[in-house]
Amino acid sequence: MPSANAALVDPRGPRFAASLTSVVLAAVLVTGSGALLAVQAAVFAVGALAGLQHSPYGLIYRTLVRPRLAPPRELEDERPPRFAQGVGLAFALTGTVGYLAGADWLGLTATALALAAAFLNAAFGYCLGCEAYLLLRRGGARLGAGA
């Protein structure tokens, strides 16, 4: 349950973002482009640090997709998907370093793991990073401001 000061988001937005992320990460795997993965890392960074509403994919969803949909049945706490963006950022940065340093195996592995997580969210609505957030919270971890 969100706290009184938690931002609330349409749960379809993060799933839409996961769909775009899946396409980008699949392109990275096909091309081996560390530069493209760095761009995805920047998208993750904005979502994790500034909030989902400021993420480029969040802006696309809010301006082009959401107006064409019925209102969401309910809103969800932004903190779990925002934490998931931070997890994605860690994998994307690791992969970017791997690709740019010539350790393609590291770039491939980190990208494939991030793609698996993004695809689970996009296709099935199962957010691994969100579940990790909830497990950590149940374990008593303090995660970021307002956690």
N, C-alpha and C. Protein backbone atom coordinates (compact mmCIF):
# COMPACT_ATOMS: atom_id res chain seq x y z
N MET A 1 0.85 -1.18 0.00
CA MET A 1 0.00 0.00 0.00
C MET A 1 0.90 1.24 0.00
N PRO A 2 0.61 2.18 -0.91
CA PRO A 2 1.43 3.38 -0.99
C PRO A 2 1.30 4.24 0.26
N SER A 3 2.39 4.92 0.60
CA SER A 3 2.32 5.88 1.69
C SER A 3 1.66 7.15 1.18
N ALA A 4 1.32 8.04 2.09
CA ALA A 4 0.61 9.26 1.72
C ALA A 4 1.41 10.12 0.74
N ASN A 5 2.74 10.05 0.79
CA ASN A 5 3.55 10.90 -0.08
C ASN A 5 4.10 10.16 -1.30
N ALA A 6 3.70 8.91 -1.51
CA ALA A 6 4.20 8.15 -2.64
C ALA A 6 3.49 8.60 -3.92
N ALA A 7 4.26 8.71 -5.00
CA ALA A 7 3.68 9.03 -6.30
C ALA A 7 2.95 7.79 -6.81
N LEU A 8 1.84 8.01 -7.48
CA LEU A 8 1.05 6.91 -8.03
C LEU A 8 1.13 6.97 -9.55
N VAL A 9 1.19 5.79 -10.18
CA VAL A 9 1.30 5.72 -11.63
C VAL A 9 0.27 4.75 -12.19
N ASP A 10 -0.07 4.96 -13.44
CA ASP A 10 -0.89 4.03 -14.19
C ASP A 10 -0.04 2.78 -14.42
N PRO A 11 -0.44 1.60 -13.96
CA PRO A 11 0.40 0.41 -14.09
C PRO A 11 0.65 -0.01 -15.53
N ARG A 12 -0.13 0.50 -16.46
CA ARG A 12 0.10 0.17 -17.87
C ARG A 12 1.32 0.91 -18.42
N GLY A 13 1.69 2.03 -17.80
CA GLY A 13 2.85 2.80 -18.26
C GLY A 13 4.16 2.03 -18.15
N PRO A 14 4.48 1.48 -16.96
CA PRO A 14 5.71 0.69 -16.86
C PRO A 14 5.72 -0.54 -17.79
N ARG A 15 4.56 -1.11 -18.01
CA ARG A 15 4.50 -2.28 -18.91
C ARG A 15 4.77 -1.84 -20.35
N PHE A 16 4.24 -0.68 -20.74
CA PHE A 16 4.53 -0.10 -22.05
C PHE A 16 6.03 0.18 -22.18
N ALA A 17 6.60 0.78 -21.14
CA ALA A 17 8.03 1.07 -21.14
C ALA A 17 8.85 -0.21 -21.26
N ALA A 18 8.40 -1.27 -20.60
CA ALA A 18 9.11 -2.56 -20.69
C ALA A 18 9.06 -3.11 -22.11
N SER A 19 7.97 -2.83 -22.82
CA SER A 19 7.88 -3.27 -24.23
C SER A 19 8.91 -2.55 -25.09
N LEU A 20 9.00 -1.23 -24.92
CA LEU A 20 10.00 -0.47 -25.68
C LEU A 20 11.41 -0.90 -25.29
N THR A 21 11.62 -1.10 -23.99
CA THR A 21 12.93 -1.54 -23.50
C THR A 21 13.30 -2.89 -24.11
N SER A 22 12.34 -3.79 -24.21
CA SER A 22 12.60 -5.10 -24.81
C SER A 22 13.07 -4.98 -26.25
N VAL A 23 12.44 -4.09 -27.00
CA VAL A 23 12.84 -3.88 -28.39
C VAL A 23 14.26 -3.33 -28.46
N VAL A 24 14.56 -2.36 -27.63
CA VAL A 24 15.90 -1.76 -27.63
C VAL A 24 16.94 -2.80 -27.23
N LEU A 25 16.67 -3.56 -26.16
CA LEU A 25 17.65 -4.55 -25.70
C LEU A 25 17.83 -5.68 -26.72
N ALA A 26 16.78 -6.07 -27.40
CA ALA A 26 16.91 -7.07 -28.47
C ALA A 26 17.80 -6.52 -29.59
N ALA A 27 17.62 -5.25 -29.92
CA ALA A 27 18.46 -4.63 -30.94
C ALA A 27 19.93 -4.59 -30.50
N VAL A 28 20.15 -4.36 -29.21
CA VAL A 28 21.52 -4.37 -28.69
C VAL A 28 22.12 -5.76 -28.85
N LEU A 29 21.36 -6.80 -28.53
CA LEU A 29 21.88 -8.16 -28.67
C LEU A 29 22.20 -8.49 -30.13
N VAL A 30 21.37 -8.03 -31.06
CA VAL A 30 21.59 -8.31 -32.48
C VAL A 30 22.80 -7.55 -33.01
N THR A 31 22.94 -6.28 -32.58
CA THR A 31 24.00 -5.43 -33.14
C THR A 31 25.28 -5.41 -32.31
N GLY A 32 25.18 -5.75 -31.02
CA GLY A 32 26.35 -5.64 -30.15
C GLY A 32 26.73 -4.19 -29.88
N SER A 33 25.77 -3.29 -29.98
CA SER A 33 26.05 -1.86 -29.85
C SER A 33 26.10 -1.41 -28.40
N GLY A 34 27.28 -1.14 -27.92
CA GLY A 34 27.44 -0.57 -26.59
C GLY A 34 26.85 0.83 -26.51
N ALA A 35 26.89 1.56 -27.63
CA ALA A 35 26.33 2.92 -27.65
C ALA A 35 24.82 2.89 -27.47
N LEU A 36 24.14 1.96 -28.13
CA LEU A 36 22.69 1.84 -27.97
C LEU A 36 22.35 1.41 -26.54
N LEU A 37 23.14 0.53 -25.98
CA LEU A 37 22.90 0.13 -24.59
C LEU A 37 23.13 1.31 -23.64
N ALA A 38 24.08 2.16 -23.96
CA ALA A 38 24.31 3.36 -23.14
C ALA A 38 23.10 4.29 -23.19
N VAL A 39 22.46 4.38 -24.34
CA VAL A 39 21.24 5.20 -24.46
C VAL A 39 20.15 4.60 -23.57
N GLN A 40 20.00 3.27 -23.60
CA GLN A 40 19.01 2.62 -22.75
C GLN A 40 19.36 2.84 -21.27
N ALA A 41 20.64 2.82 -20.95
CA ALA A 41 21.05 3.09 -19.57
C ALA A 41 20.62 4.49 -19.16
N ALA A 42 20.74 5.45 -20.06
CA ALA A 42 20.30 6.82 -19.75
C ALA A 42 18.80 6.87 -19.51
N VAL A 43 18.03 6.11 -20.28
CA VAL A 43 16.58 6.05 -20.08
C VAL A 43 16.29 5.47 -18.69
N PHE A 44 16.97 4.38 -18.33
CA PHE A 44 16.80 3.80 -17.00
C PHE A 44 17.17 4.81 -15.92
N ALA A 45 18.25 5.54 -16.13
CA ALA A 45 18.72 6.50 -15.12
C ALA A 45 17.68 7.59 -14.86
N VAL A 46 17.09 8.11 -15.91
CA VAL A 46 16.07 9.14 -15.73
C VAL A 46 14.88 8.57 -14.95
N GLY A 47 14.43 7.38 -15.31
CA GLY A 47 13.31 6.76 -14.60
C GLY A 47 13.62 6.49 -13.14
N ALA A 48 14.83 6.03 -12.87
CA ALA A 48 15.21 5.69 -11.50
C ALA A 48 15.46 6.94 -10.65
N LEU A 49 16.08 7.94 -11.22
CA LEU A 49 16.49 9.11 -10.44
C LEU A 49 15.47 10.24 -10.44
N ALA A 50 14.84 10.51 -11.57
CA ALA A 50 13.90 11.63 -11.66
C ALA A 50 12.45 11.19 -11.52
N GLY A 51 12.18 9.92 -11.72
CA GLY A 51 10.82 9.42 -11.63
C GLY A 51 10.30 8.96 -12.98
N LEU A 52 9.36 8.02 -12.93
CA LEU A 52 8.83 7.43 -14.15
C LEU A 52 8.16 8.46 -15.05
N GLN A 53 7.53 9.46 -14.47
CA GLN A 53 6.84 10.47 -15.27
C GLN A 53 7.80 11.29 -16.11
N HIS A 54 9.09 11.31 -15.76
CA HIS A 54 10.09 12.07 -16.51
C HIS A 54 10.88 11.20 -17.48
N SER A 55 10.73 9.91 -17.39
CA SER A 55 11.42 9.00 -18.30
C SER A 55 10.94 9.22 -19.73
N PRO A 56 11.83 9.11 -20.71
CA PRO A 56 11.38 9.27 -22.10
C PRO A 56 10.23 8.33 -22.46
N TYR A 57 10.29 7.08 -22.01
CA TYR A 57 9.21 6.14 -22.33
C TYR A 57 7.94 6.52 -21.58
N GLY A 58 8.07 7.05 -20.38
CA GLY A 58 6.91 7.53 -19.64
C GLY A 58 6.25 8.71 -20.34
N LEU A 59 7.06 9.59 -20.90
CA LEU A 59 6.53 10.73 -21.64
C LEU A 59 5.79 10.28 -22.90
N ILE A 60 6.36 9.30 -23.60
CA ILE A 60 5.68 8.76 -24.78
C ILE A 60 4.34 8.14 -24.38
N TYR A 61 4.36 7.36 -23.31
CA TYR A 61 3.12 6.73 -22.86
C TYR A 61 2.08 7.79 -22.50
N ARG A 62 2.49 8.77 -21.72
CA ARG A 62 1.55 9.77 -21.21
C ARG A 62 0.98 10.64 -22.33
N THR A 63 1.78 10.96 -23.35
CA THR A 63 1.28 11.86 -24.38
C THR A 63 0.65 11.16 -25.58
N LEU A 64 1.12 9.98 -25.95
CA LEU A 64 0.62 9.31 -27.16
C LEU A 64 -0.30 8.12 -26.89
N VAL A 65 -0.09 7.40 -25.80
CA VAL A 65 -0.84 6.17 -25.57
C VAL A 65 -1.98 6.37 -24.58
N ARG A 66 -1.69 6.90 -23.43
CA ARG A 66 -2.69 7.03 -22.36
C ARG A 66 -3.96 7.76 -22.78
N PRO A 67 -3.86 8.85 -23.58
CA PRO A 67 -5.09 9.54 -23.98
C PRO A 67 -6.05 8.67 -24.81
N ARG A 68 -5.54 7.59 -25.39
CA ARG A 68 -6.37 6.72 -26.22
C ARG A 68 -6.97 5.55 -25.44
N LEU A 69 -6.66 5.46 -24.16
CA LEU A 69 -7.12 4.35 -23.33
C LEU A 69 -8.16 4.83 -22.32
N ALA A 70 -8.93 3.88 -21.84
CA ALA A 70 -9.83 4.18 -20.72
C ALA A 70 -8.98 4.45 -19.48
N PRO A 71 -9.52 5.18 -18.52
CA PRO A 71 -8.75 5.40 -17.29
C PRO A 71 -8.38 4.07 -16.64
N PRO A 72 -7.24 4.04 -15.95
CA PRO A 72 -6.86 2.79 -15.29
C PRO A 72 -7.84 2.46 -14.16
N ARG A 73 -8.02 1.18 -13.89
CA ARG A 73 -8.90 0.76 -12.80
C ARG A 73 -8.35 1.21 -11.45
N GLU A 74 -7.04 1.18 -11.34
CA GLU A 74 -6.39 1.62 -10.11
C GLU A 74 -4.99 2.10 -10.46
N LEU A 75 -4.43 2.87 -9.56
CA LEU A 75 -3.06 3.35 -9.70
C LEU A 75 -2.18 2.55 -8.76
N GLU A 76 -0.88 2.52 -9.06
CA GLU A 76 0.04 1.79 -8.19
C GLU A 76 1.16 2.70 -7.71
N ASP A 77 1.76 2.30 -6.63
CA ASP A 77 2.90 2.99 -6.05
C ASP A 77 4.04 3.01 -7.07
N GLU A 78 4.64 4.17 -7.26
CA GLU A 78 5.74 4.31 -8.21
C GLU A 78 7.03 3.65 -7.73
N ARG A 79 7.19 3.49 -6.43
CA ARG A 79 8.49 3.06 -5.90
C ARG A 79 8.97 1.70 -6.42
N PRO A 80 8.15 0.65 -6.47
CA PRO A 80 8.68 -0.61 -7.00
C PRO A 80 9.15 -0.53 -8.45
N PRO A 81 8.35 0.03 -9.39
CA PRO A 81 8.87 0.11 -10.75
C PRO A 81 10.05 1.09 -10.88
N ARG A 82 10.10 2.08 -10.03
CA ARG A 82 11.24 3.00 -10.06
C ARG A 82 12.51 2.27 -9.59
N PHE A 83 12.38 1.44 -8.57
CA PHE A 83 13.49 0.61 -8.13
C PHE A 83 13.92 -0.33 -9.26
N ALA A 84 12.94 -0.89 -9.97
CA ALA A 84 13.23 -1.78 -11.10
C ALA A 84 14.04 -1.05 -12.17
N GLN A 85 13.75 0.24 -12.36
CA GLN A 85 14.53 1.03 -13.31
C GLN A 85 16.00 1.12 -12.86
N GLY A 86 16.20 1.22 -11.55
CA GLY A 86 17.56 1.24 -11.01
C GLY A 86 18.28 -0.08 -11.23
N VAL A 87 17.56 -1.17 -11.09
CA VAL A 87 18.15 -2.49 -11.35
C VAL A 87 18.50 -2.60 -12.84
N GLY A 88 17.59 -2.16 -13.69
CA GLY A 88 17.87 -2.15 -15.12
C GLY A 88 19.09 -1.30 -15.45
N LEU A 89 19.20 -0.17 -14.76
CA LEU A 89 20.36 0.71 -14.96
C LEU A 89 21.65 -0.02 -14.61
N ALA A 90 21.66 -0.75 -13.51
CA ALA A 90 22.87 -1.48 -13.12
C ALA A 90 23.27 -2.50 -14.19
N PHE A 91 22.29 -3.23 -14.72
CA PHE A 91 22.60 -4.20 -15.78
C PHE A 91 23.04 -3.51 -17.06
N ALA A 92 22.37 -2.41 -17.42
CA ALA A 92 22.73 -1.70 -18.64
C ALA A 92 24.13 -1.09 -18.54
N LEU A 93 24.47 -0.54 -17.39
CA LEU A 93 25.81 0.02 -17.22
C LEU A 93 26.87 -1.07 -17.28
N THR A 94 26.58 -2.20 -16.64
CA THR A 94 27.52 -3.33 -16.69
C THR A 94 27.72 -3.79 -18.13
N GLY A 95 26.62 -3.92 -18.86
CA GLY A 95 26.71 -4.34 -20.26
C GLY A 95 27.43 -3.32 -21.12
N THR A 96 27.16 -2.06 -20.89
CA THR A 96 27.82 -1.01 -21.66
C THR A 96 29.33 -1.06 -21.44
N VAL A 97 29.73 -1.17 -20.20
CA VAL A 97 31.17 -1.27 -19.90
C VAL A 97 31.76 -2.50 -20.60
N GLY A 98 31.03 -3.61 -20.53
CA GLY A 98 31.51 -4.83 -21.19
C GLY A 98 31.72 -4.62 -22.68
N TYR A 99 30.70 -4.10 -23.36
CA TYR A 99 30.83 -3.89 -24.80
C TYR A 99 31.95 -2.91 -25.13
N LEU A 100 31.99 -1.79 -24.42
CA LEU A 100 32.98 -0.76 -24.75
C LEU A 100 34.41 -1.16 -24.38
N ALA A 101 34.56 -2.08 -23.41
CA ALA A 101 35.89 -2.54 -23.01
C ALA A 101 36.35 -3.76 -23.80
N GLY A 102 35.50 -4.22 -24.73
CA GLY A 102 35.87 -5.39 -25.53
C GLY A 102 35.53 -6.71 -24.88
N ALA A 103 34.86 -6.70 -23.75
CA ALA A 103 34.41 -7.93 -23.09
C ALA A 103 32.96 -8.20 -23.53
N ASP A 104 32.84 -8.59 -24.80
CA ASP A 104 31.51 -8.78 -25.38
C ASP A 104 30.68 -9.79 -24.59
N TRP A 105 31.32 -10.78 -24.00
CA TRP A 105 30.58 -11.77 -23.20
C TRP A 105 29.84 -11.10 -22.05
N LEU A 106 30.48 -10.09 -21.43
CA LEU A 106 29.85 -9.37 -20.33
C LEU A 106 28.69 -8.51 -20.84
N GLY A 107 28.91 -7.83 -21.96
CA GLY A 107 27.85 -7.03 -22.56
C GLY A 107 26.65 -7.89 -22.93
N LEU A 108 26.93 -9.02 -23.57
CA LEU A 108 25.86 -9.94 -23.96
C LEU A 108 25.09 -10.48 -22.76
N THR A 109 25.82 -10.90 -21.75
CA THR A 109 25.18 -11.50 -20.57
C THR A 109 24.30 -10.48 -19.84
N ALA A 110 24.85 -9.31 -19.58
CA ALA A 110 24.09 -8.28 -18.87
C ALA A 110 22.87 -7.85 -19.67
N THR A 111 23.04 -7.70 -20.98
CA THR A 111 21.93 -7.29 -21.83
C THR A 111 20.86 -8.38 -21.88
N ALA A 112 21.28 -9.63 -22.00
CA ALA A 112 20.31 -10.74 -22.06
C ALA A 112 19.51 -10.84 -20.76
N LEU A 113 20.17 -10.65 -19.63
CA LEU A 113 19.46 -10.69 -18.35
C LEU A 113 18.46 -9.53 -18.23
N ALA A 114 18.87 -8.35 -18.64
CA ALA A 114 17.95 -7.21 -18.62
C ALA A 114 16.79 -7.43 -19.58
N LEU A 115 17.07 -8.00 -20.75
CA LEU A 115 16.00 -8.30 -21.71
C LEU A 115 15.02 -9.32 -21.14
N ALA A 116 15.52 -10.33 -20.47
CA ALA A 116 14.63 -11.34 -19.87
C ALA A 116 13.67 -10.69 -18.88
N ALA A 117 14.19 -9.80 -18.05
CA ALA A 117 13.35 -9.12 -17.06
C ALA A 117 12.36 -8.18 -17.74
N ALA A 118 12.80 -7.42 -18.72
CA ALA A 118 11.91 -6.50 -19.42
C ALA A 118 10.81 -7.27 -20.16
N PHE A 119 11.19 -8.38 -20.78
CA PHE A 119 10.20 -9.16 -21.52
C PHE A 119 9.15 -9.76 -20.58
N LEU A 120 9.57 -10.24 -19.42
CA LEU A 120 8.60 -10.76 -18.45
C LEU A 120 7.56 -9.70 -18.09
N ASN A 121 8.01 -8.47 -17.91
CA ASN A 121 7.09 -7.39 -17.59
C ASN A 121 6.21 -7.05 -18.79
N ALA A 122 6.82 -6.92 -19.95
CA ALA A 122 6.06 -6.54 -21.15
C ALA A 122 5.02 -7.58 -21.52
N ALA A 123 5.41 -8.84 -21.51
CA ALA A 123 4.52 -9.90 -22.00
C ALA A 123 3.54 -10.41 -20.95
N PHE A 124 3.98 -10.46 -19.70
CA PHE A 124 3.17 -11.11 -18.66
C PHE A 124 2.82 -10.20 -17.49
N GLY A 125 3.33 -8.97 -17.49
CA GLY A 125 3.04 -8.06 -16.39
C GLY A 125 3.73 -8.46 -15.10
N TYR A 126 4.81 -9.23 -15.19
CA TYR A 126 5.55 -9.66 -14.00
C TYR A 126 6.86 -8.88 -13.94
N CYS A 127 6.97 -8.02 -12.96
CA CYS A 127 8.13 -7.14 -12.81
C CYS A 127 9.10 -7.72 -11.78
N LEU A 128 10.21 -8.26 -12.24
CA LEU A 128 11.20 -8.84 -11.33
C LEU A 128 11.78 -7.81 -10.37
N GLY A 129 12.11 -6.63 -10.88
CA GLY A 129 12.66 -5.59 -10.02
C GLY A 129 11.66 -5.14 -8.96
N CYS A 130 10.38 -5.09 -9.34
CA CYS A 130 9.33 -4.72 -8.37
C CYS A 130 9.23 -5.77 -7.28
N GLU A 131 9.30 -7.03 -7.66
CA GLU A 131 9.25 -8.11 -6.68
C GLU A 131 10.46 -8.07 -5.76
N ALA A 132 11.63 -7.75 -6.31
CA ALA A 132 12.83 -7.62 -5.48
C ALA A 132 12.66 -6.47 -4.49
N TYR A 133 12.09 -5.37 -4.94
CA TYR A 133 11.82 -4.23 -4.06
C TYR A 133 10.95 -4.66 -2.89
N LEU A 134 9.86 -5.36 -3.20
CA LEU A 134 8.93 -5.78 -2.15
C LEU A 134 9.59 -6.76 -1.18
N LEU A 135 10.41 -7.68 -1.68
CA LEU A 135 11.12 -8.61 -0.80
C LEU A 135 12.09 -7.87 0.12
N LEU A 136 12.80 -6.91 -0.44
CA LEU A 136 13.74 -6.13 0.37
C LEU A 136 13.01 -5.32 1.43
N ARG A 137 11.88 -4.73 1.05
CA ARG A 137 11.09 -3.96 2.02
C ARG A 137 10.57 -4.85 3.15
N ARG A 138 10.09 -6.05 2.79
CA ARG A 138 9.61 -6.98 3.82
C ARG A 138 10.75 -7.39 4.75
N GLY A 139 11.95 -7.38 4.21
CA GLY A 139 13.12 -7.72 5.02
C GLY A 139 13.62 -6.55 5.85
N GLY A 140 12.97 -5.41 5.74
CA GLY A 140 13.33 -4.27 6.58
C GLY A 140 14.29 -3.29 5.93
N ALA A 141 14.62 -3.48 4.67
CA ALA A 141 15.55 -2.55 4.02
C ALA A 141 14.90 -1.21 3.77
N ARG A 142 15.66 -0.14 3.94
CA ARG A 142 15.18 1.21 3.60
C ARG A 142 15.70 1.51 2.20
N LEU A 143 14.77 1.76 1.28
CA LEU A 143 15.14 1.94 -0.11
C LEU A 143 14.78 3.33 -0.59
N GLY A 144 15.72 4.23 -0.60
CA GLY A 144 15.50 5.56 -1.15
C GLY A 144 14.62 6.43 -0.28
N ALA A 145 14.42 7.64 -0.76
CA ALA A 145 13.62 8.63 -0.04
C ALA A 145 12.16 8.20 0.00
N GLY A 146 11.56 8.31 1.13
CA GLY A 146 10.14 8.01 1.26
C GLY A 146 9.82 6.54 1.28
N ALA A 147 10.84 5.70 1.30
CA ALA A 147 10.61 4.25 1.27
C ALA A 147 10.07 3.84 2.58
